[in-house]
């Protein structure tokens, strides 16, 4: 099995100086290598994936150990893994899954290195009124305090 550190070094060498970053590197027991990349300010193209795949393959030796390599972009519906992915969608709608399992659709207001802020409206029962009232909520969450978050696609 390929050493993950060796792959991380090769992947970092490729994205250095480019507007790309590595989201994840997975290696299966069968030596299937899956590298996920993303960009801060644009969509990742097929050419980006092909070029990175060729670069990584040039750094590895198939004669020593056979492997299969897949380079792809983080999917539209895939959960975010890095703060940089959150920053890319500030101002957009996301769905947060809390550790207790409940989900909240909200607007991502800001994203830092350790936490992010969301805003949403919820219906609240006001004492003395029959009808519930909409209340704006702003919530700051640590990345470690949630199960996952992903972009909400609107059609």
N, C-alpha and C. Protein backbone atom coordinates (compact mmCIF):
# COMPACT_ATOMS: atom_id res chain seq x y z
N UNK A 1 0.84 -1.18 0.00
CA UNK A 1 0.00 0.00 0.00
C UNK A 1 0.89 1.25 0.00
N UNK A 2 0.51 2.21 -0.79
CA UNK A 2 1.28 3.45 -0.89
C UNK A 2 1.25 4.20 0.44
N UNK A 3 2.35 4.79 0.77
CA UNK A 3 2.42 5.58 1.98
C UNK A 3 1.63 6.87 1.79
N UNK A 4 0.72 7.15 2.70
CA UNK A 4 -0.12 8.34 2.60
C UNK A 4 0.73 9.61 2.62
N UNK A 5 1.79 9.61 3.42
CA UNK A 5 2.66 10.79 3.50
C UNK A 5 3.30 11.10 2.15
N UNK A 6 3.71 10.05 1.43
CA UNK A 6 4.31 10.22 0.11
C UNK A 6 3.30 10.84 -0.85
N UNK A 7 2.07 10.37 -0.79
CA UNK A 7 1.01 10.91 -1.64
C UNK A 7 0.67 12.35 -1.26
N UNK A 8 0.60 12.62 0.04
CA UNK A 8 0.31 13.98 0.49
C UNK A 8 1.38 14.95 0.01
N UNK A 9 2.63 14.52 0.06
CA UNK A 9 3.74 15.36 -0.40
C UNK A 9 3.63 15.63 -1.90
N UNK A 10 3.36 14.59 -2.68
CA UNK A 10 3.22 14.75 -4.13
C UNK A 10 2.02 15.64 -4.47
N UNK A 11 0.90 15.43 -3.78
CA UNK A 11 -0.30 16.24 -4.03
C UNK A 11 -0.06 17.70 -3.65
N UNK A 12 0.61 17.92 -2.53
CA UNK A 12 0.93 19.29 -2.10
C UNK A 12 1.86 19.95 -3.11
N UNK A 13 2.79 19.19 -3.66
CA UNK A 13 3.69 19.72 -4.68
C UNK A 13 2.94 20.16 -5.92
N UNK A 14 1.90 19.42 -6.29
CA UNK A 14 1.13 19.79 -7.47
C UNK A 14 0.30 21.05 -7.24
N UNK A 15 -0.39 21.15 -6.12
CA UNK A 15 -1.29 22.28 -5.90
C UNK A 15 -0.57 23.56 -5.48
N UNK A 16 0.70 23.44 -5.09
CA UNK A 16 1.46 24.62 -4.67
C UNK A 16 1.50 25.66 -5.79
N UNK A 17 1.11 26.88 -5.46
CA UNK A 17 1.12 27.96 -6.45
C UNK A 17 -0.11 27.97 -7.35
N UNK A 18 -1.01 27.03 -7.17
CA UNK A 18 -2.25 26.99 -7.95
C UNK A 18 -3.41 27.37 -7.03
N UNK A 19 -4.56 27.65 -7.62
CA UNK A 19 -5.73 27.98 -6.81
C UNK A 19 -6.50 26.72 -6.41
N UNK A 20 -5.79 25.62 -6.23
CA UNK A 20 -6.39 24.34 -5.84
C UNK A 20 -5.87 23.94 -4.46
N UNK A 21 -6.62 23.08 -3.78
CA UNK A 21 -6.14 22.49 -2.54
C UNK A 21 -6.68 21.08 -2.43
N UNK A 22 -5.98 20.27 -1.65
CA UNK A 22 -6.36 18.87 -1.45
C UNK A 22 -7.35 18.79 -0.29
N UNK A 23 -8.48 18.17 -0.55
CA UNK A 23 -9.51 17.98 0.48
C UNK A 23 -9.27 16.68 1.23
N UNK A 24 -8.97 15.61 0.48
CA UNK A 24 -8.86 14.30 1.10
C UNK A 24 -8.04 13.35 0.23
N UNK A 25 -7.34 12.44 0.88
CA UNK A 25 -6.64 11.35 0.20
C UNK A 25 -7.03 10.06 0.91
N UNK A 26 -7.58 9.12 0.13
CA UNK A 26 -7.96 7.82 0.69
C UNK A 26 -7.22 6.73 -0.06
N UNK A 27 -6.76 5.73 0.69
CA UNK A 27 -6.08 4.57 0.10
C UNK A 27 -6.78 3.32 0.62
N UNK A 28 -7.29 2.50 -0.29
CA UNK A 28 -7.97 1.27 0.12
C UNK A 28 -6.95 0.15 0.33
N UNK A 29 -7.41 -0.95 0.87
CA UNK A 29 -6.56 -2.12 1.08
C UNK A 29 -6.07 -2.70 -0.25
N UNK A 30 -6.82 -2.46 -1.33
CA UNK A 30 -6.44 -2.94 -2.66
C UNK A 30 -5.54 -1.95 -3.40
N UNK A 31 -5.08 -0.92 -2.71
CA UNK A 31 -4.22 0.11 -3.28
C UNK A 31 -4.94 1.00 -4.30
N UNK A 32 -6.23 1.21 -4.08
CA UNK A 32 -6.98 2.17 -4.87
C UNK A 32 -6.82 3.52 -4.18
N UNK A 33 -6.23 4.47 -4.89
CA UNK A 33 -5.96 5.79 -4.33
C UNK A 33 -7.01 6.75 -4.86
N UNK A 34 -7.67 7.47 -3.96
CA UNK A 34 -8.70 8.43 -4.33
C UNK A 34 -8.32 9.78 -3.74
N UNK A 35 -8.05 10.75 -4.61
CA UNK A 35 -7.66 12.09 -4.17
C UNK A 35 -8.78 13.06 -4.55
N UNK A 36 -9.22 13.85 -3.58
CA UNK A 36 -10.27 14.84 -3.81
C UNK A 36 -9.65 16.23 -3.70
N UNK A 37 -9.92 17.06 -4.73
CA UNK A 37 -9.38 18.42 -4.75
C UNK A 37 -10.52 19.43 -4.87
N UNK A 38 -10.21 20.68 -4.53
CA UNK A 38 -11.19 21.76 -4.58
C UNK A 38 -10.44 23.04 -4.91
N UNK A 39 -11.18 24.06 -5.31
CA UNK A 39 -10.60 25.37 -5.58
C UNK A 39 -11.30 26.40 -4.71
N UNK A 40 -10.58 27.46 -4.35
CA UNK A 40 -11.17 28.51 -3.52
C UNK A 40 -12.18 29.36 -4.27
N UNK A 41 -11.94 29.59 -5.56
CA UNK A 41 -12.76 30.58 -6.25
C UNK A 41 -13.32 30.16 -7.60
N UNK A 42 -13.25 28.89 -7.92
CA UNK A 42 -13.80 28.43 -9.20
C UNK A 42 -14.13 26.95 -9.09
N UNK A 43 -14.78 26.44 -10.13
CA UNK A 43 -15.06 25.01 -10.18
C UNK A 43 -13.82 24.27 -10.64
N UNK A 44 -13.61 23.09 -10.10
CA UNK A 44 -12.51 22.23 -10.53
C UNK A 44 -12.90 21.62 -11.88
N UNK A 45 -11.99 21.68 -12.84
CA UNK A 45 -12.29 21.16 -14.18
C UNK A 45 -11.73 19.75 -14.35
N UNK A 46 -12.20 19.10 -15.40
CA UNK A 46 -11.68 17.78 -15.74
C UNK A 46 -10.19 17.87 -16.04
N UNK A 47 -9.77 18.94 -16.70
CA UNK A 47 -8.34 19.14 -17.00
C UNK A 47 -7.51 19.22 -15.71
N UNK A 48 -8.04 19.89 -14.68
CA UNK A 48 -7.34 19.95 -13.39
C UNK A 48 -7.10 18.55 -12.85
N UNK A 49 -8.13 17.72 -12.91
CA UNK A 49 -8.04 16.35 -12.38
C UNK A 49 -7.07 15.50 -13.19
N UNK A 50 -7.13 15.62 -14.52
CA UNK A 50 -6.24 14.85 -15.39
C UNK A 50 -4.79 15.26 -15.16
N UNK A 51 -4.53 16.56 -15.12
CA UNK A 51 -3.16 17.05 -14.92
C UNK A 51 -2.60 16.58 -13.57
N UNK A 52 -3.42 16.66 -12.53
CA UNK A 52 -2.94 16.23 -11.22
C UNK A 52 -2.70 14.73 -11.20
N UNK A 53 -3.57 13.98 -11.83
CA UNK A 53 -3.40 12.53 -11.90
C UNK A 53 -2.08 12.17 -12.58
N UNK A 54 -1.80 12.82 -13.69
CA UNK A 54 -0.54 12.56 -14.40
C UNK A 54 0.67 12.94 -13.55
N UNK A 55 0.57 14.07 -12.85
CA UNK A 55 1.66 14.52 -11.99
C UNK A 55 1.91 13.50 -10.87
N UNK A 56 0.85 13.07 -10.20
CA UNK A 56 0.99 12.10 -9.10
C UNK A 56 1.57 10.79 -9.63
N UNK A 57 1.06 10.32 -10.77
CA UNK A 57 1.57 9.06 -11.34
C UNK A 57 3.06 9.16 -11.67
N UNK A 58 3.51 10.34 -12.09
CA UNK A 58 4.93 10.51 -12.42
C UNK A 58 5.81 10.44 -11.17
N UNK A 59 5.21 10.69 -10.00
CA UNK A 59 5.96 10.67 -8.74
C UNK A 59 5.96 9.29 -8.08
N UNK A 60 5.11 8.38 -8.56
CA UNK A 60 5.01 7.05 -7.98
C UNK A 60 5.56 6.01 -8.95
N UNK A 61 6.02 4.89 -8.44
CA UNK A 61 6.62 3.84 -9.27
C UNK A 61 5.74 2.60 -9.27
N UNK A 62 5.10 2.33 -10.41
CA UNK A 62 4.22 1.16 -10.55
C UNK A 62 5.02 -0.14 -10.50
N UNK A 63 6.30 -0.10 -10.83
CA UNK A 63 7.11 -1.31 -10.79
C UNK A 63 7.32 -1.80 -9.36
N UNK A 64 7.38 -0.89 -8.43
CA UNK A 64 7.55 -1.26 -7.02
C UNK A 64 6.23 -1.76 -6.45
N UNK A 65 5.16 -1.06 -6.76
CA UNK A 65 3.85 -1.42 -6.22
C UNK A 65 2.77 -0.92 -7.16
N UNK A 66 1.86 -1.82 -7.59
CA UNK A 66 0.80 -1.42 -8.50
C UNK A 66 -0.30 -0.69 -7.73
N UNK A 67 -0.99 0.22 -8.40
CA UNK A 67 -2.05 0.99 -7.77
C UNK A 67 -3.00 1.50 -8.84
N UNK A 68 -4.18 1.93 -8.41
CA UNK A 68 -5.07 2.67 -9.30
C UNK A 68 -5.27 4.03 -8.66
N UNK A 69 -5.36 5.05 -9.49
CA UNK A 69 -5.44 6.42 -9.00
C UNK A 69 -6.64 7.13 -9.60
N UNK A 70 -7.42 7.75 -8.74
CA UNK A 70 -8.55 8.57 -9.17
C UNK A 70 -8.41 9.94 -8.53
N UNK A 71 -8.48 10.98 -9.35
CA UNK A 71 -8.47 12.35 -8.85
C UNK A 71 -9.79 12.97 -9.26
N UNK A 72 -10.50 13.54 -8.30
CA UNK A 72 -11.80 14.14 -8.59
C UNK A 72 -12.04 15.36 -7.73
N UNK A 73 -13.09 16.08 -8.07
CA UNK A 73 -13.44 17.26 -7.28
C UNK A 73 -14.42 16.87 -6.19
N UNK A 74 -14.47 17.68 -5.15
CA UNK A 74 -15.45 17.45 -4.09
C UNK A 74 -16.82 17.68 -4.71
N UNK A 75 -17.72 16.75 -4.56
CA UNK A 75 -19.04 16.84 -5.18
C UNK A 75 -19.89 17.95 -4.59
N UNK A 76 -20.87 18.37 -5.35
CA UNK A 76 -21.77 19.43 -4.90
C UNK A 76 -22.51 19.05 -3.63
N UNK A 77 -22.82 17.78 -3.49
CA UNK A 77 -23.60 17.34 -2.34
C UNK A 77 -22.74 16.66 -1.27
N UNK A 78 -21.45 16.65 -1.46
CA UNK A 78 -20.56 16.02 -0.47
C UNK A 78 -20.39 16.93 0.75
N UNK A 79 -20.34 16.36 1.93
CA UNK A 79 -20.11 17.17 3.13
C UNK A 79 -18.75 17.87 3.08
N UNK A 80 -18.70 19.07 3.66
CA UNK A 80 -17.44 19.81 3.73
C UNK A 80 -16.51 19.12 4.71
N UNK A 81 -15.21 19.16 4.42
CA UNK A 81 -14.21 18.56 5.30
C UNK A 81 -13.22 19.59 5.84
N UNK A 82 -13.06 20.71 5.13
CA UNK A 82 -12.07 21.71 5.50
C UNK A 82 -12.69 23.10 5.61
N UNK A 83 -12.17 23.97 6.49
CA UNK A 83 -12.68 25.34 6.58
C UNK A 83 -12.66 26.08 5.23
N UNK A 84 -11.69 25.78 4.37
CA UNK A 84 -11.62 26.45 3.07
C UNK A 84 -12.86 26.17 2.23
N UNK A 85 -13.44 24.99 2.39
CA UNK A 85 -14.65 24.67 1.64
C UNK A 85 -15.83 25.50 2.15
N UNK A 86 -15.89 25.75 3.44
CA UNK A 86 -16.94 26.60 3.99
C UNK A 86 -16.79 28.03 3.46
N UNK A 87 -15.56 28.55 3.47
CA UNK A 87 -15.33 29.93 3.03
C UNK A 87 -15.76 30.15 1.58
N UNK A 88 -15.66 29.11 0.78
CA UNK A 88 -16.03 29.23 -0.64
C UNK A 88 -17.53 29.52 -0.80
N UNK A 89 -18.35 29.08 0.15
CA UNK A 89 -19.80 29.23 0.00
C UNK A 89 -20.42 30.21 1.00
N UNK A 90 -19.62 31.12 1.58
CA UNK A 90 -20.17 32.14 2.48
C UNK A 90 -21.23 32.92 1.71
N UNK A 91 -22.37 33.13 2.35
CA UNK A 91 -23.49 33.82 1.72
C UNK A 91 -24.49 32.87 1.07
N UNK A 92 -24.15 31.60 1.02
CA UNK A 92 -25.02 30.60 0.41
C UNK A 92 -25.74 29.78 1.48
N UNK A 93 -26.72 29.03 1.02
CA UNK A 93 -27.49 28.16 1.91
C UNK A 93 -26.73 26.85 2.12
N UNK A 94 -26.63 26.42 3.38
CA UNK A 94 -26.02 25.12 3.71
C UNK A 94 -26.98 24.35 4.62
N UNK A 95 -26.73 23.06 4.73
CA UNK A 95 -27.48 22.23 5.67
C UNK A 95 -26.50 21.67 6.69
N UNK A 96 -26.74 21.99 7.94
CA UNK A 96 -25.88 21.53 9.04
C UNK A 96 -26.57 20.34 9.72
N UNK A 97 -25.82 19.27 9.91
CA UNK A 97 -26.32 18.13 10.69
C UNK A 97 -25.59 18.16 12.03
N UNK A 98 -26.36 18.36 13.08
CA UNK A 98 -25.79 18.43 14.42
C UNK A 98 -25.46 17.03 14.93
N UNK A 99 -24.69 16.95 15.97
CA UNK A 99 -24.29 15.66 16.54
C UNK A 99 -25.49 14.84 17.02
N UNK A 100 -26.56 15.51 17.43
CA UNK A 100 -27.75 14.78 17.90
C UNK A 100 -28.62 14.31 16.73
N UNK A 101 -28.21 14.63 15.50
CA UNK A 101 -28.92 14.15 14.32
C UNK A 101 -29.87 15.15 13.69
N UNK A 102 -30.25 16.21 14.40
CA UNK A 102 -31.19 17.15 13.77
C UNK A 102 -30.45 18.02 12.75
N UNK A 103 -31.21 18.45 11.76
CA UNK A 103 -30.63 19.22 10.65
C UNK A 103 -31.23 20.61 10.62
N UNK A 104 -30.42 21.56 10.14
CA UNK A 104 -30.88 22.94 10.01
C UNK A 104 -30.37 23.52 8.71
N UNK A 105 -31.28 24.00 7.88
CA UNK A 105 -30.87 24.75 6.69
C UNK A 105 -30.69 26.19 7.11
N UNK A 106 -29.59 26.79 6.67
CA UNK A 106 -29.26 28.14 7.10
C UNK A 106 -28.36 28.81 6.08
N UNK A 107 -28.24 30.12 6.20
CA UNK A 107 -27.29 30.87 5.38
C UNK A 107 -25.96 30.90 6.12
N UNK A 108 -24.89 30.57 5.41
CA UNK A 108 -23.56 30.62 6.00
C UNK A 108 -23.10 32.07 5.98
N UNK A 109 -22.95 32.66 7.16
CA UNK A 109 -22.60 34.08 7.27
C UNK A 109 -21.09 34.31 7.25
N UNK A 110 -20.34 33.44 7.91
CA UNK A 110 -18.88 33.58 7.93
C UNK A 110 -18.27 32.23 8.28
N UNK A 111 -16.98 32.10 7.97
CA UNK A 111 -16.26 30.85 8.25
C UNK A 111 -14.81 31.17 8.58
N UNK A 112 -14.40 30.78 9.77
CA UNK A 112 -13.02 30.98 10.20
C UNK A 112 -12.29 29.65 10.25
N UNK A 113 -11.16 29.63 10.93
CA UNK A 113 -10.37 28.40 11.02
C UNK A 113 -10.97 27.37 11.97
N UNK A 114 -11.65 27.82 13.04
CA UNK A 114 -12.17 26.90 14.05
C UNK A 114 -13.69 26.84 14.13
N UNK A 115 -14.35 27.88 13.60
CA UNK A 115 -15.80 27.94 13.72
C UNK A 115 -16.42 28.68 12.54
N UNK A 116 -17.74 28.56 12.45
CA UNK A 116 -18.48 29.26 11.40
C UNK A 116 -19.78 29.78 11.98
N UNK A 117 -20.38 30.75 11.29
CA UNK A 117 -21.62 31.35 11.77
C UNK A 117 -22.71 31.17 10.72
N UNK A 118 -23.90 30.78 11.20
CA UNK A 118 -25.05 30.61 10.32
C UNK A 118 -26.20 31.48 10.82
N UNK A 119 -27.14 31.76 9.91
CA UNK A 119 -28.36 32.47 10.29
C UNK A 119 -29.54 31.77 9.64
N UNK A 120 -30.64 31.75 10.37
CA UNK A 120 -31.87 31.14 9.86
C UNK A 120 -33.05 31.71 10.64
N UNK A 121 -34.25 31.43 10.14
CA UNK A 121 -35.46 31.85 10.84
C UNK A 121 -36.16 30.62 11.38
N UNK A 122 -36.75 30.78 12.55
CA UNK A 122 -37.54 29.68 13.11
C UNK A 122 -38.83 30.25 13.68
N UNK A 123 -39.84 29.40 13.77
CA UNK A 123 -41.11 29.80 14.35
C UNK A 123 -41.06 29.59 15.85
N UNK A 124 -41.47 30.63 16.60
CA UNK A 124 -41.42 30.60 18.05
C UNK A 124 -42.80 30.95 18.60
N UNK A 125 -43.22 30.21 19.59
CA UNK A 125 -44.50 30.50 20.25
C UNK A 125 -44.28 31.63 21.25
N UNK A 126 -44.96 32.75 21.05
CA UNK A 126 -44.86 33.88 21.95
C UNK A 126 -46.00 33.77 22.97
N UNK A 127 -45.65 33.95 24.21
CA UNK A 127 -46.64 33.82 25.28
C UNK A 127 -47.79 34.80 25.07
N UNK A 128 -49.00 34.29 25.17
CA UNK A 128 -50.18 35.14 25.03
C UNK A 128 -50.68 35.26 23.59
N UNK A 129 -50.00 34.65 22.63
CA UNK A 129 -50.43 34.70 21.23
C UNK A 129 -50.69 33.29 20.73
N UNK A 130 -51.71 33.18 19.87
CA UNK A 130 -52.03 31.87 19.29
C UNK A 130 -51.06 31.52 18.17
N UNK A 131 -50.74 32.52 17.40
CA UNK A 131 -49.92 32.30 16.20
C UNK A 131 -48.43 32.36 16.54
N UNK A 132 -47.67 31.46 15.93
CA UNK A 132 -46.21 31.49 16.12
C UNK A 132 -45.63 32.65 15.31
N UNK A 133 -44.52 33.17 15.79
CA UNK A 133 -43.86 34.32 15.18
C UNK A 133 -42.49 33.88 14.65
N UNK A 134 -42.12 34.41 13.48
CA UNK A 134 -40.78 34.13 12.93
C UNK A 134 -39.73 34.92 13.71
N UNK A 135 -38.66 34.22 14.06
CA UNK A 135 -37.57 34.84 14.79
C UNK A 135 -36.26 34.55 14.07
N UNK A 136 -35.46 35.58 13.87
CA UNK A 136 -34.14 35.40 13.24
C UNK A 136 -33.16 34.89 14.28
N UNK A 137 -32.37 33.89 13.87
CA UNK A 137 -31.40 33.29 14.78
C UNK A 137 -30.02 33.32 14.11
N UNK A 138 -29.02 33.73 14.86
CA UNK A 138 -27.62 33.63 14.42
C UNK A 138 -26.93 32.68 15.39
N UNK A 139 -26.19 31.74 14.81
CA UNK A 139 -25.57 30.71 15.65
C UNK A 139 -24.12 30.53 15.21
N UNK A 140 -23.22 30.52 16.18
CA UNK A 140 -21.81 30.25 15.91
C UNK A 140 -21.52 28.82 16.35
N UNK A 141 -20.95 28.04 15.43
CA UNK A 141 -20.68 26.62 15.69
C UNK A 141 -19.22 26.30 15.44
N UNK A 142 -18.66 25.45 16.26
CA UNK A 142 -17.31 24.93 16.00
C UNK A 142 -17.44 23.76 15.04
N UNK A 143 -16.47 23.61 14.14
CA UNK A 143 -16.50 22.50 13.18
C UNK A 143 -16.56 21.16 13.91
N UNK A 144 -15.92 21.08 15.06
CA UNK A 144 -15.88 19.83 15.81
C UNK A 144 -17.19 19.52 16.53
N UNK A 145 -18.08 20.50 16.62
CA UNK A 145 -19.34 20.31 17.34
C UNK A 145 -20.49 19.83 16.45
N UNK A 146 -20.23 19.66 15.16
CA UNK A 146 -21.28 19.21 14.25
C UNK A 146 -20.88 17.88 13.62
N UNK A 147 -21.87 17.18 13.11
CA UNK A 147 -21.60 15.92 12.42
C UNK A 147 -21.14 16.20 11.00
N UNK A 148 -21.86 17.12 10.29
CA UNK A 148 -21.48 17.46 8.92
C UNK A 148 -22.20 18.72 8.48
N UNK A 149 -21.74 19.27 7.36
CA UNK A 149 -22.41 20.40 6.71
C UNK A 149 -22.15 20.27 5.22
N UNK A 150 -23.13 20.68 4.43
CA UNK A 150 -22.98 20.61 2.98
C UNK A 150 -23.81 21.71 2.34
N UNK A 151 -23.47 22.02 1.11
CA UNK A 151 -24.19 23.05 0.37
C UNK A 151 -25.58 22.54 0.01
N UNK A 152 -26.53 23.47 -0.02
CA UNK A 152 -27.89 23.15 -0.46
C UNK A 152 -28.02 23.64 -1.89
N UNK A 153 -28.41 22.76 -2.78
CA UNK A 153 -28.55 23.09 -4.19
C UNK A 153 -29.99 23.50 -4.45
N UNK A 154 -30.18 24.70 -5.01
CA UNK A 154 -31.51 25.17 -5.37
C UNK A 154 -31.65 25.16 -6.88
N UNK A 155 -32.80 24.67 -7.35
CA UNK A 155 -33.06 24.64 -8.79
C UNK A 155 -34.14 25.62 -9.14
